[in-house]
Structures are given as C-alpha cells and as structure tokens.
C-alpha cells in the first residue's frame, strides 16, 4: 500500500487551502493513505482518503517502522548530490513517498542506508517545485509502471 507523507507549508500556505493541492491528486491516483505534519486539525473533505496528522515524522516512522521510504527531494550539490532520477526509478509496490517543504529537507535527518532519494528532472533543475506539484509527477510516473 502506498502512503503519502508530507509537511504543511505553514508560512507559505495554510492547511485549509493547501489540503486541496494534495487531496485531489491523491484521490485521483487512487492513493488512500495520506499523512501530514504538524497537526493542524484540518478536516479532509475527500472521503476516499484517510488523512492522519502527526506531530512529527518521528511519530509516523514509529508507527510504520518497516515501510519502504522513498524521499522526494531536489538534487543539490550540498544536500542530495546523488539521487535517482524519477524517470529512471523503479517504484516499489509498498512504500511511503516522503516530501519536505521549501525550508525542510527530511533526508538530512531521517534517511536510512536502504532508503531511496528520488528527484524530479526538470529543464532547469532548480528544485523549485512545491511538494504537492512534485507529488503529482511522482504519482503519474508510478501509475505508468503499475497500470
């Protein structure tokens, strides 16, 4: 089963509006397990998706210790110099796709040796996609493999 794990862009967005950027594509690509942090108290209006909010990623990882982790982060010289390009990635059947924010790179804290770090290749490779935008591309690429 696929999980989406993200972090609200508090300061750039508000969960009340940002939830639509995540929930509609999640539903349309058939994912039912959506996890976000921190706890905002938002009520997901998409009835086909289970939204669980966590205080921290530590809490999520404690609840799902054996879930295959796939971090989605831009390829950068300093933080993620060796990532797998999304178009070359073989998606696991059961995994959690983990997304950071404009100011938070979870690979720096939470990556384990066997975890994957995947990057979306763009024309300029500047790492300026919002997490929910990158998620749409990831789920589209995954759908091509698992149709």
Protein backbone atom coordinates (compact mmCIF):
# COMPACT_ATOMS: atom_id res chain seq x y z
CA UNK A 1 0.00 0.00 0.00
CA UNK A 2 1.25 3.46 -0.92
CA UNK A 3 1.39 6.23 1.65
CA UNK A 4 2.00 9.93 1.04
CA UNK A 5 3.85 11.70 3.86
CA UNK A 6 4.14 15.46 3.66
CA UNK A 7 4.66 18.56 5.70
CA UNK A 8 2.30 21.53 5.65
CA UNK A 9 3.90 24.62 4.08
CA UNK A 10 3.00 26.75 7.08
CA UNK A 11 4.15 30.27 6.36
CA UNK A 12 3.64 29.94 2.60
CA UNK A 13 0.19 28.33 2.63
CA UNK A 14 -2.48 27.49 5.15
CA UNK A 15 -3.63 23.86 5.51
CA UNK A 16 -7.24 24.88 4.84
CA UNK A 17 -6.31 25.75 1.23
CA UNK A 18 -3.20 23.61 0.81
CA UNK A 19 -5.16 20.42 1.54
CA UNK A 20 -6.86 20.68 -1.86
CA UNK A 21 -3.49 20.74 -3.66
CA UNK A 22 -2.69 17.39 -2.05
CA UNK A 23 -6.03 15.63 -1.63
CA UNK A 24 -7.47 15.92 -5.13
CA UNK A 25 -4.46 14.35 -6.94
CA UNK A 26 -4.06 11.77 -4.17
CA UNK A 27 -7.65 10.68 -4.69
CA UNK A 28 -7.39 10.73 -8.47
CA UNK A 29 -4.31 8.48 -8.45
CA UNK A 30 -6.05 6.00 -6.14
CA UNK A 31 -3.93 6.51 -3.01
CA UNK A 32 -5.96 6.21 0.19
CA UNK A 33 -3.36 6.82 2.92
CA UNK A 34 -2.27 10.43 3.34
CA UNK A 35 -0.13 11.59 6.28
CA UNK A 36 0.84 15.18 7.12
CA UNK A 37 2.57 17.08 9.85
CA UNK A 38 2.41 19.04 12.04
CA UNK A 39 -1.07 18.58 13.46
CA UNK A 40 -3.27 21.38 12.15
CA UNK A 41 -6.70 19.99 12.99
CA UNK A 42 -7.78 20.27 9.36
CA UNK A 43 -10.64 18.01 8.32
CA UNK A 44 -10.08 16.32 4.99
CA UNK A 45 -13.15 16.68 2.78
CA UNK A 46 -12.12 13.84 0.46
CA UNK A 47 -13.99 10.86 1.86
CA UNK A 48 -11.98 8.29 -0.12
CA UNK A 49 -8.72 9.36 1.55
CA UNK A 50 -7.65 8.75 5.14
CA UNK A 51 -5.77 11.83 6.37
CA UNK A 52 -3.73 11.31 9.52
CA UNK A 53 -1.80 14.21 11.01
CA UNK A 54 1.29 13.59 13.12
CA UNK A 55 3.22 15.84 15.47
CA UNK A 56 6.47 14.81 13.78
CA UNK A 57 7.96 12.43 11.24
CA UNK A 58 9.39 10.50 14.20
CA UNK A 59 5.82 9.66 15.21
CA UNK A 60 4.93 8.41 11.72
CA UNK A 61 8.12 6.33 11.43
CA UNK A 62 7.47 4.77 14.84
CA UNK A 63 4.00 3.73 13.67
CA UNK A 64 5.33 2.33 10.35
CA UNK A 65 8.91 1.21 11.10
CA UNK A 66 9.20 -1.26 8.20
CA UNK A 67 7.63 0.83 5.44
CA UNK A 68 9.97 1.35 2.45
CA UNK A 69 10.97 5.03 2.46
CA UNK A 70 11.20 6.99 -0.78
CA UNK A 71 12.28 10.59 -0.23
CA UNK A 72 11.37 13.05 -2.99
CA UNK A 73 13.89 15.88 -2.93
CA UNK A 74 15.68 18.07 -5.47
CA UNK A 75 19.18 17.03 -6.45
CA UNK A 76 21.58 19.60 -4.99
CA UNK A 77 25.35 19.80 -4.65
CA UNK A 78 25.21 20.18 -0.88
CA UNK A 79 22.27 18.15 0.41
CA UNK A 80 21.32 15.47 -2.12
CA UNK A 81 24.14 15.17 -4.64
CA UNK A 82 23.41 11.55 -5.60
CA UNK A 83 19.74 10.94 -6.15
CA UNK A 84 17.85 8.66 -8.51
CA UNK A 85 16.09 10.49 -11.32
CA UNK A 86 12.36 9.81 -11.21
CA UNK A 87 12.18 8.76 -14.86
CA UNK A 88 14.76 6.01 -14.10
CA UNK A 89 13.22 4.88 -10.80
CA UNK A 90 11.52 1.53 -10.30
CA UNK A 91 8.73 2.18 -7.82
CA UNK A 92 8.24 -0.34 -5.01
CA UNK A 93 4.77 -1.77 -4.67
CA UNK A 94 4.55 -0.90 -0.97
CA UNK A 95 6.20 2.35 0.13
CA UNK A 96 5.84 5.80 1.60
CA UNK A 97 6.70 8.80 -0.57
CA UNK A 98 8.15 11.47 1.71
CA UNK A 99 8.06 15.15 0.80
CA UNK A 100 9.78 18.05 2.51
CA UNK A 101 8.98 21.74 2.28
CA UNK A 102 10.64 24.85 0.92
CA UNK A 103 12.74 25.02 4.10
CA UNK A 104 12.82 21.42 5.36
CA UNK A 105 14.73 18.52 3.79
CA UNK A 106 13.76 15.34 5.70
CA UNK A 107 16.51 13.26 4.06
CA UNK A 108 19.04 15.12 6.19
CA UNK A 109 17.51 13.73 9.40
CA UNK A 110 15.54 10.62 8.54
CA UNK A 111 17.28 8.83 5.68
CA UNK A 112 18.44 5.31 6.44
CA UNK A 113 21.02 3.36 4.41
CA UNK A 114 18.45 1.41 2.35
CA UNK A 115 16.13 4.35 1.69
CA UNK A 116 15.80 5.88 -1.77
CA UNK A 117 16.12 9.56 -2.61
CA UNK A 118 14.42 10.41 -5.88
CA UNK A 119 14.48 13.68 -7.83
CA UNK A 120 12.16 15.04 -10.49
CA UNK A 121 14.17 16.07 -13.56
CA UNK A 122 13.15 19.45 -14.95
CA UNK A 123 14.58 21.66 -17.68
CA UNK A 124 16.45 23.88 -15.21
CA UNK A 125 16.80 21.51 -12.22
CA UNK A 126 16.49 24.37 -9.72
CA UNK A 127 14.38 22.45 -7.18
CA UNK A 128 11.55 24.96 -7.22
CA UNK A 129 8.57 22.60 -7.43
CA UNK A 130 6.23 22.71 -4.46
CA UNK A 131 5.96 19.33 -2.74
CA UNK A 132 2.36 18.83 -3.90
CA UNK A 133 3.44 19.54 -7.51
CA UNK A 134 6.27 17.01 -7.28
CA UNK A 135 3.82 14.52 -5.78
CA UNK A 136 1.58 14.77 -8.86
CA UNK A 137 4.53 13.98 -11.12
CA UNK A 138 5.66 11.09 -8.89
CA UNK A 139 2.19 9.53 -8.80
CA UNK A 140 1.85 9.92 -12.57
CA UNK A 141 5.19 8.17 -13.16
CA UNK A 142 4.21 5.47 -10.67
CA UNK A 143 0.88 4.93 -12.44
CA UNK A 144 2.70 4.23 -15.71
CA UNK A 145 4.66 1.43 -14.04
CA UNK A 146 1.77 -0.10 -12.05
CA UNK A 147 -1.07 0.01 -14.59
